[in-house]
Amino acid sequence: MITYHVLIPTSPLWPQATTQIGAIDWPAGPHLAKRMQTPAVWQPFERIIYATTDDQLAGFCALLAEDIVPDTPYSPFVSSVYVAPDYRHQGISLRLVQQAETAAEAVDIEGLYIVTRHMGLYEHLDYALVDRREDQFGRLNRVLYKNFA
């Protein structure tokens, strides 16, 4: 059974999540884990959504003020949505995003952006295209937005 945890830097599971997120083979994981090692840079609304089964990482995403698209007027973001290979194709990525939405709404955020190159995934949750922008690596991404009102 997958358990979803909403973490802030003072959460007891923060160190475990940092280690496990940093160990994945997708570069966004170690990048996020490095940021997690500096709790002072976290804004009060920022969160990690950490999905586990027992003590194993099933997936994660982050609710962040900034994402990989520089110099943008957009904020906040659902960032770094990741599902471990053994848990893919079970709807976990969408559940992670829903958990981030709930965490955002709990701190009075009215909508979220997602930067992605995936087509059709986040549209299942009513995200809509608002822009196309290059990320910090020069890749063209879609910027999607969902208003919670």
N, C-alpha and C. Protein backbone atom coordinates (compact mmCIF):
# COMPACT_ATOMS: atom_id res chain seq x y z
N MET A 1 0.84 -1.18 0.00
CA MET A 1 0.00 0.00 0.00
C MET A 1 0.88 1.25 0.00
N ILE A 2 0.55 2.20 -0.85
CA ILE A 2 1.31 3.44 -0.95
C ILE A 2 0.81 4.43 0.10
N THR A 3 1.74 5.04 0.81
CA THR A 3 1.42 6.09 1.77
C THR A 3 2.03 7.39 1.26
N TYR A 4 1.24 8.44 1.29
CA TYR A 4 1.68 9.76 0.83
C TYR A 4 1.93 10.64 2.04
N HIS A 5 3.12 11.23 2.08
CA HIS A 5 3.53 12.10 3.18
C HIS A 5 3.78 13.50 2.61
N VAL A 6 3.28 14.50 3.29
CA VAL A 6 3.54 15.88 2.91
C VAL A 6 4.60 16.39 3.89
N LEU A 7 5.79 16.68 3.35
CA LEU A 7 6.94 16.98 4.19
C LEU A 7 7.36 18.44 4.11
N ILE A 8 7.79 18.95 5.26
CA ILE A 8 8.49 20.23 5.36
C ILE A 8 9.84 19.92 6.00
N PRO A 9 10.79 20.86 5.98
CA PRO A 9 12.14 20.54 6.47
C PRO A 9 12.21 20.00 7.90
N THR A 10 11.22 20.29 8.73
CA THR A 10 11.26 19.79 10.11
C THR A 10 10.54 18.44 10.28
N SER A 11 10.03 17.88 9.21
CA SER A 11 9.34 16.59 9.28
C SER A 11 10.32 15.48 9.63
N PRO A 12 9.91 14.53 10.46
CA PRO A 12 10.80 13.42 10.82
C PRO A 12 11.30 12.60 9.62
N LEU A 13 10.50 12.50 8.57
CA LEU A 13 10.91 11.72 7.39
C LEU A 13 11.78 12.50 6.42
N TRP A 14 12.02 13.79 6.67
CA TRP A 14 12.80 14.61 5.75
C TRP A 14 14.17 14.00 5.44
N PRO A 15 14.97 13.59 6.44
CA PRO A 15 16.30 13.02 6.13
C PRO A 15 16.22 11.76 5.26
N GLN A 16 15.28 10.87 5.59
CA GLN A 16 15.11 9.65 4.80
C GLN A 16 14.71 10.00 3.37
N ALA A 17 13.75 10.91 3.22
CA ALA A 17 13.30 11.32 1.89
C ALA A 17 14.46 11.94 1.11
N THR A 18 15.23 12.78 1.75
CA THR A 18 16.37 13.42 1.09
C THR A 18 17.34 12.38 0.55
N THR A 19 17.66 11.39 1.35
CA THR A 19 18.59 10.33 0.94
C THR A 19 18.02 9.53 -0.24
N GLN A 20 16.77 9.11 -0.12
CA GLN A 20 16.17 8.28 -1.18
C GLN A 20 15.97 9.07 -2.48
N ILE A 21 15.54 10.32 -2.38
CA ILE A 21 15.35 11.14 -3.57
C ILE A 21 16.70 11.41 -4.24
N GLY A 22 17.72 11.62 -3.44
CA GLY A 22 19.06 11.86 -3.97
C GLY A 22 19.68 10.66 -4.65
N ALA A 23 19.17 9.46 -4.38
CA ALA A 23 19.76 8.23 -4.90
C ALA A 23 19.15 7.76 -6.23
N ILE A 24 18.11 8.43 -6.72
CA ILE A 24 17.50 7.96 -7.97
C ILE A 24 18.38 8.30 -9.16
N ASP A 25 18.10 7.65 -10.28
CA ASP A 25 18.95 7.83 -11.46
C ASP A 25 18.48 8.94 -12.41
N TRP A 26 17.48 9.70 -12.04
CA TRP A 26 17.01 10.85 -12.82
C TRP A 26 17.64 12.09 -12.22
N PRO A 27 18.32 12.94 -12.99
CA PRO A 27 19.06 14.09 -12.43
C PRO A 27 18.24 15.04 -11.56
N ALA A 28 16.94 15.09 -11.77
CA ALA A 28 16.11 15.97 -10.93
C ALA A 28 16.11 15.52 -9.47
N GLY A 29 16.27 14.23 -9.23
CA GLY A 29 16.28 13.72 -7.85
C GLY A 29 17.46 14.24 -7.04
N PRO A 30 18.69 14.01 -7.50
CA PRO A 30 19.84 14.55 -6.77
C PRO A 30 19.81 16.07 -6.68
N HIS A 31 19.30 16.75 -7.71
CA HIS A 31 19.20 18.22 -7.66
C HIS A 31 18.24 18.65 -6.55
N LEU A 32 17.08 18.00 -6.47
CA LEU A 32 16.12 18.32 -5.42
C LEU A 32 16.67 17.96 -4.05
N ALA A 33 17.33 16.82 -3.94
CA ALA A 33 17.89 16.39 -2.65
C ALA A 33 18.93 17.40 -2.15
N LYS A 34 19.73 17.92 -3.07
CA LYS A 34 20.72 18.94 -2.68
C LYS A 34 20.01 20.17 -2.11
N ARG A 35 18.93 20.57 -2.75
CA ARG A 35 18.16 21.70 -2.23
C ARG A 35 17.55 21.37 -0.87
N MET A 36 17.12 20.12 -0.70
CA MET A 36 16.53 19.69 0.57
C MET A 36 17.55 19.73 1.71
N GLN A 37 18.81 19.64 1.38
CA GLN A 37 19.86 19.68 2.41
C GLN A 37 20.11 21.08 2.93
N THR A 38 19.45 22.07 2.35
CA THR A 38 19.57 23.46 2.80
C THR A 38 18.17 23.96 3.17
N PRO A 39 17.66 23.55 4.32
CA PRO A 39 16.29 23.90 4.70
C PRO A 39 16.04 25.41 4.78
N ALA A 40 17.05 26.19 5.00
CA ALA A 40 16.87 27.64 5.12
C ALA A 40 16.37 28.27 3.83
N VAL A 41 16.57 27.62 2.69
CA VAL A 41 16.13 28.19 1.41
C VAL A 41 14.66 27.89 1.12
N TRP A 42 14.02 27.08 1.94
CA TRP A 42 12.64 26.69 1.70
C TRP A 42 11.68 27.78 2.15
N GLN A 43 10.77 28.15 1.23
CA GLN A 43 9.73 29.10 1.58
C GLN A 43 8.67 28.40 2.42
N PRO A 44 7.93 29.14 3.23
CA PRO A 44 6.97 28.50 4.15
C PRO A 44 5.95 27.59 3.48
N PHE A 45 5.54 27.88 2.24
CA PHE A 45 4.53 27.04 1.58
C PHE A 45 5.13 25.84 0.85
N GLU A 46 6.43 25.78 0.66
CA GLU A 46 7.03 24.72 -0.14
C GLU A 46 6.98 23.38 0.60
N ARG A 47 6.77 22.34 -0.17
CA ARG A 47 6.60 20.99 0.39
C ARG A 47 7.22 19.95 -0.54
N ILE A 48 7.49 18.78 0.04
CA ILE A 48 7.81 17.57 -0.72
C ILE A 48 6.66 16.61 -0.49
N ILE A 49 6.15 16.04 -1.56
CA ILE A 49 5.16 14.98 -1.46
C ILE A 49 5.95 13.69 -1.68
N TYR A 50 5.97 12.85 -0.68
CA TYR A 50 6.85 11.68 -0.62
C TYR A 50 5.99 10.44 -0.50
N ALA A 51 6.00 9.60 -1.52
CA ALA A 51 5.19 8.38 -1.53
C ALA A 51 6.07 7.18 -1.20
N THR A 52 5.61 6.40 -0.24
CA THR A 52 6.38 5.23 0.19
C THR A 52 5.49 4.00 0.29
N THR A 53 6.13 2.86 0.23
CA THR A 53 5.52 1.61 0.60
C THR A 53 6.52 0.96 1.54
N ASP A 54 6.08 0.72 2.76
CA ASP A 54 6.99 0.39 3.86
C ASP A 54 7.98 1.55 3.95
N ASP A 55 9.26 1.31 3.85
CA ASP A 55 10.23 2.40 3.88
C ASP A 55 10.85 2.66 2.50
N GLN A 56 10.28 2.05 1.46
CA GLN A 56 10.81 2.21 0.11
C GLN A 56 10.17 3.41 -0.58
N LEU A 57 10.97 4.11 -1.37
CA LEU A 57 10.48 5.22 -2.17
C LEU A 57 9.64 4.69 -3.33
N ALA A 58 8.39 5.15 -3.40
CA ALA A 58 7.54 4.82 -4.55
C ALA A 58 7.49 5.99 -5.52
N GLY A 59 7.62 7.21 -4.99
CA GLY A 59 7.59 8.39 -5.84
C GLY A 59 7.65 9.66 -5.03
N PHE A 60 7.73 10.79 -5.73
CA PHE A 60 7.74 12.08 -5.06
C PHE A 60 7.43 13.17 -6.06
N CYS A 61 7.12 14.32 -5.53
CA CYS A 61 7.07 15.55 -6.29
C CYS A 61 7.29 16.69 -5.29
N ALA A 62 7.45 17.88 -5.81
CA ALA A 62 7.69 19.02 -4.94
C ALA A 62 6.72 20.14 -5.28
N LEU A 63 6.34 20.88 -4.27
CA LEU A 63 5.59 22.12 -4.41
C LEU A 63 6.60 23.22 -4.16
N LEU A 64 6.99 23.95 -5.21
CA LEU A 64 8.08 24.91 -5.14
C LEU A 64 7.70 26.26 -5.74
N ALA A 65 8.39 27.29 -5.29
CA ALA A 65 8.18 28.63 -5.84
C ALA A 65 8.74 28.74 -7.25
N GLU A 66 9.83 28.02 -7.54
CA GLU A 66 10.49 28.10 -8.85
C GLU A 66 10.73 26.70 -9.39
N ASP A 67 10.77 26.63 -10.72
CA ASP A 67 11.07 25.36 -11.37
C ASP A 67 12.19 25.59 -12.38
N ILE A 68 12.33 24.71 -13.36
CA ILE A 68 13.48 24.77 -14.27
C ILE A 68 13.37 25.77 -15.40
N VAL A 69 12.28 26.52 -15.46
CA VAL A 69 12.13 27.56 -16.47
C VAL A 69 12.54 28.89 -15.84
N PRO A 70 13.68 29.45 -16.26
CA PRO A 70 14.17 30.68 -15.63
C PRO A 70 13.40 31.92 -16.10
N ASP A 71 13.48 32.95 -15.29
CA ASP A 71 12.93 34.26 -15.66
C ASP A 71 11.49 34.17 -16.14
N THR A 72 10.65 33.60 -15.33
CA THR A 72 9.25 33.45 -15.68
C THR A 72 8.36 34.15 -14.66
N PRO A 73 7.23 34.65 -15.08
CA PRO A 73 6.31 35.29 -14.13
C PRO A 73 5.47 34.27 -13.36
N TYR A 74 5.67 32.98 -13.64
CA TYR A 74 4.82 31.95 -13.08
C TYR A 74 5.32 31.45 -11.73
N SER A 75 4.38 31.16 -10.83
CA SER A 75 4.69 30.57 -9.52
C SER A 75 3.36 30.38 -8.80
N PRO A 76 3.30 29.36 -7.97
CA PRO A 76 4.20 28.25 -7.67
C PRO A 76 4.00 27.07 -8.62
N PHE A 77 4.87 26.09 -8.47
CA PHE A 77 4.92 24.94 -9.36
C PHE A 77 4.77 23.62 -8.63
N VAL A 78 4.20 22.64 -9.33
CA VAL A 78 4.40 21.24 -9.01
C VAL A 78 5.62 20.86 -9.81
N SER A 79 6.65 20.39 -9.14
CA SER A 79 7.94 20.14 -9.78
C SER A 79 8.40 18.72 -9.52
N SER A 80 9.22 18.22 -10.43
CA SER A 80 9.97 16.97 -10.22
C SER A 80 9.07 15.78 -9.89
N VAL A 81 8.05 15.57 -10.68
CA VAL A 81 7.16 14.42 -10.46
C VAL A 81 7.89 13.16 -10.91
N TYR A 82 8.06 12.24 -9.97
CA TYR A 82 8.83 11.01 -10.24
C TYR A 82 8.13 9.82 -9.59
N VAL A 83 8.07 8.72 -10.33
CA VAL A 83 7.57 7.46 -9.81
C VAL A 83 8.64 6.40 -10.07
N ALA A 84 8.99 5.66 -9.04
CA ALA A 84 10.00 4.60 -9.15
C ALA A 84 9.53 3.55 -10.17
N PRO A 85 10.47 2.96 -10.92
CA PRO A 85 10.10 2.02 -12.00
C PRO A 85 9.12 0.92 -11.59
N ASP A 86 9.27 0.34 -10.41
CA ASP A 86 8.38 -0.75 -9.99
C ASP A 86 6.95 -0.30 -9.72
N TYR A 87 6.72 1.01 -9.66
CA TYR A 87 5.40 1.53 -9.30
C TYR A 87 4.74 2.30 -10.43
N ARG A 88 5.33 2.30 -11.60
CA ARG A 88 4.79 3.06 -12.71
C ARG A 88 3.52 2.40 -13.28
N HIS A 89 2.74 3.21 -13.99
CA HIS A 89 1.50 2.77 -14.65
C HIS A 89 0.42 2.35 -13.65
N GLN A 90 0.44 2.99 -12.48
CA GLN A 90 -0.57 2.72 -11.46
C GLN A 90 -1.29 4.00 -11.03
N GLY A 91 -1.05 5.11 -11.74
CA GLY A 91 -1.71 6.36 -11.40
C GLY A 91 -1.05 7.14 -10.28
N ILE A 92 0.13 6.72 -9.86
CA ILE A 92 0.80 7.37 -8.73
C ILE A 92 1.21 8.80 -9.07
N SER A 93 1.65 9.05 -10.30
CA SER A 93 2.06 10.41 -10.63
C SER A 93 0.89 11.39 -10.48
N LEU A 94 -0.28 10.98 -10.92
CA LEU A 94 -1.45 11.85 -10.77
C LEU A 94 -1.83 12.03 -9.30
N ARG A 95 -1.69 10.98 -8.53
CA ARG A 95 -2.00 11.07 -7.09
C ARG A 95 -0.99 12.00 -6.39
N LEU A 96 0.27 11.94 -6.79
CA LEU A 96 1.27 12.86 -6.22
C LEU A 96 0.89 14.32 -6.51
N VAL A 97 0.48 14.58 -7.74
CA VAL A 97 0.08 15.95 -8.10
C VAL A 97 -1.15 16.36 -7.29
N GLN A 98 -2.09 15.46 -7.13
CA GLN A 98 -3.28 15.78 -6.34
C GLN A 98 -2.91 16.09 -4.89
N GLN A 99 -1.95 15.37 -4.35
CA GLN A 99 -1.49 15.65 -2.98
C GLN A 99 -0.83 17.02 -2.91
N ALA A 100 -0.07 17.39 -3.94
CA ALA A 100 0.55 18.72 -3.98
C ALA A 100 -0.53 19.80 -4.07
N GLU A 101 -1.57 19.54 -4.85
CA GLU A 101 -2.68 20.49 -4.95
C GLU A 101 -3.34 20.70 -3.60
N THR A 102 -3.59 19.61 -2.89
CA THR A 102 -4.21 19.70 -1.57
C THR A 102 -3.33 20.48 -0.61
N ALA A 103 -2.02 20.23 -0.65
CA ALA A 103 -1.09 20.97 0.21
C ALA A 103 -1.08 22.45 -0.15
N ALA A 104 -1.17 22.76 -1.43
CA ALA A 104 -1.19 24.15 -1.88
C ALA A 104 -2.46 24.86 -1.41
N GLU A 105 -3.58 24.19 -1.59
CA GLU A 105 -4.85 24.78 -1.16
C GLU A 105 -4.88 25.02 0.35
N ALA A 106 -4.23 24.15 1.11
CA ALA A 106 -4.20 24.30 2.57
C ALA A 106 -3.48 25.57 3.01
N VAL A 107 -2.62 26.10 2.15
CA VAL A 107 -1.91 27.35 2.48
C VAL A 107 -2.39 28.49 1.58
N ASP A 108 -3.64 28.38 1.10
CA ASP A 108 -4.33 29.43 0.35
C ASP A 108 -3.70 29.76 -1.01
N ILE A 109 -3.05 28.80 -1.64
CA ILE A 109 -2.59 28.97 -3.02
C ILE A 109 -3.77 28.67 -3.91
N GLU A 110 -4.01 29.52 -4.89
CA GLU A 110 -5.21 29.43 -5.72
C GLU A 110 -5.02 28.66 -7.02
N GLY A 111 -3.78 28.31 -7.36
CA GLY A 111 -3.53 27.57 -8.58
C GLY A 111 -2.06 27.19 -8.69
N LEU A 112 -1.77 26.22 -9.54
CA LEU A 112 -0.40 25.73 -9.70
C LEU A 112 -0.03 25.59 -11.16
N TYR A 113 1.26 25.73 -11.42
CA TYR A 113 1.85 25.53 -12.73
C TYR A 113 2.62 24.22 -12.74
N ILE A 114 2.72 23.64 -13.90
CA ILE A 114 3.57 22.46 -14.12
C ILE A 114 4.34 22.70 -15.42
N VAL A 115 5.66 22.50 -15.36
CA VAL A 115 6.50 22.56 -16.55
C VAL A 115 6.74 21.11 -16.98
N THR A 116 6.40 20.81 -18.23
CA THR A 116 6.49 19.43 -18.68
C THR A 116 6.70 19.34 -20.18
N ARG A 117 7.23 18.21 -20.60
CA ARG A 117 7.26 17.88 -22.02
C ARG A 117 6.28 16.75 -22.32
N HIS A 118 5.65 16.20 -21.26
CA HIS A 118 4.63 15.16 -21.44
C HIS A 118 3.39 15.75 -22.10
N MET A 119 2.77 14.98 -22.94
CA MET A 119 1.53 15.40 -23.60
C MET A 119 0.38 14.56 -23.04
N GLY A 120 -0.64 15.23 -22.53
CA GLY A 120 -1.85 14.55 -22.10
C GLY A 120 -1.88 14.04 -20.68
N LEU A 121 -0.76 14.00 -19.98
CA LEU A 121 -0.74 13.45 -18.63
C LEU A 121 -1.46 14.34 -17.63
N TYR A 122 -1.03 15.57 -17.51
CA TYR A 122 -1.59 16.46 -16.49
C TYR A 122 -2.93 17.05 -16.91
N GLU A 123 -3.23 16.96 -18.17
CA GLU A 123 -4.55 17.40 -18.63
C GLU A 123 -5.66 16.57 -17.99
N HIS A 124 -5.34 15.34 -17.57
CA HIS A 124 -6.31 14.50 -16.86
C HIS A 124 -6.75 15.14 -15.54
N LEU A 125 -5.93 16.04 -15.04
CA LEU A 125 -6.24 16.74 -13.78
C LEU A 125 -6.66 18.19 -14.04
N ASP A 126 -7.03 18.48 -15.27
CA ASP A 126 -7.53 19.81 -15.66
C ASP A 126 -6.46 20.89 -15.74
N TYR A 127 -5.22 20.52 -15.97
CA TYR A 127 -4.18 21.51 -16.26
C TYR A 127 -4.29 21.87 -17.74
N ALA A 128 -4.09 23.15 -18.05
CA ALA A 128 -4.22 23.61 -19.43
C ALA A 128 -2.96 24.38 -19.82
N LEU A 129 -2.63 24.30 -21.09
CA LEU A 129 -1.46 24.98 -21.63
C LEU A 129 -1.63 26.50 -21.54
N VAL A 130 -0.61 27.17 -20.97
CA VAL A 130 -0.62 28.63 -20.91
C VAL A 130 0.59 29.24 -21.61
N ASP A 131 1.63 28.43 -21.84
CA ASP A 131 2.84 28.98 -22.44
C ASP A 131 3.74 27.83 -22.88
N ARG A 132 4.74 28.18 -23.67
CA ARG A 132 5.83 27.27 -24.02
C ARG A 132 7.11 28.04 -23.74
N ARG A 133 8.02 27.43 -23.01
CA ARG A 133 9.26 28.11 -22.64
C ARG A 133 10.41 27.11 -22.63
N GLU A 134 11.60 27.65 -22.89
CA GLU A 134 12.81 26.83 -22.76
C GLU A 134 13.20 26.74 -21.29
N ASP A 135 13.64 25.55 -20.89
CA ASP A 135 14.13 25.37 -19.53
C ASP A 135 15.61 25.75 -19.47
N GLN A 136 16.20 25.59 -18.32
CA GLN A 136 17.60 25.99 -18.12
C GLN A 136 18.57 25.14 -18.93
N PHE A 137 18.07 24.06 -19.55
CA PHE A 137 18.90 23.20 -20.38
C PHE A 137 18.66 23.44 -21.87
N GLY A 138 17.81 24.43 -22.20
CA GLY A 138 17.53 24.75 -23.59
C GLY A 138 16.46 23.90 -24.24
N ARG A 139 15.76 23.09 -23.46
CA ARG A 139 14.70 22.23 -23.99
C ARG A 139 13.36 22.98 -23.96
N LEU A 140 12.60 22.86 -25.01
CA LEU A 140 11.29 23.50 -25.05
C LEU A 140 10.31 22.69 -24.23
N ASN A 141 9.64 23.37 -23.30
CA ASN A 141 8.68 22.73 -22.41
C ASN A 141 7.32 23.40 -22.54
N ARG A 142 6.32 22.70 -22.14
CA ARG A 142 4.98 23.24 -22.02
C ARG A 142 4.77 23.71 -20.59
N VAL A 143 4.17 24.87 -20.42
CA VAL A 143 3.81 25.36 -19.09
C VAL A 143 2.31 25.25 -18.98
N LEU A 144 1.87 24.45 -18.01
CA LEU A 144 0.46 24.21 -17.79
C LEU A 144 0.02 24.89 -16.50
N TYR A 145 -1.25 25.20 -16.40
CA TYR A 145 -1.77 25.86 -15.20
C TYR A 145 -3.14 25.27 -14.84
N LYS A 146 -3.39 25.21 -13.54
CA LYS A 146 -4.70 24.82 -13.03
C LYS A 146 -5.10 25.80 -11.95
N ASN A 147 -6.27 26.41 -12.10
CA ASN A 147 -6.83 27.30 -11.09
C ASN A 147 -7.77 26.45 -10.24
N PHE A 148 -7.66 26.59 -8.92
CA PHE A 148 -8.48 25.76 -8.03
C PHE A 148 -9.88 26.32 -7.79
N ALA A 149 -10.12 27.57 -8.23
CA ALA A 149 -11.43 28.20 -7.97
C ALA A 149 -12.54 27.53 -8.76
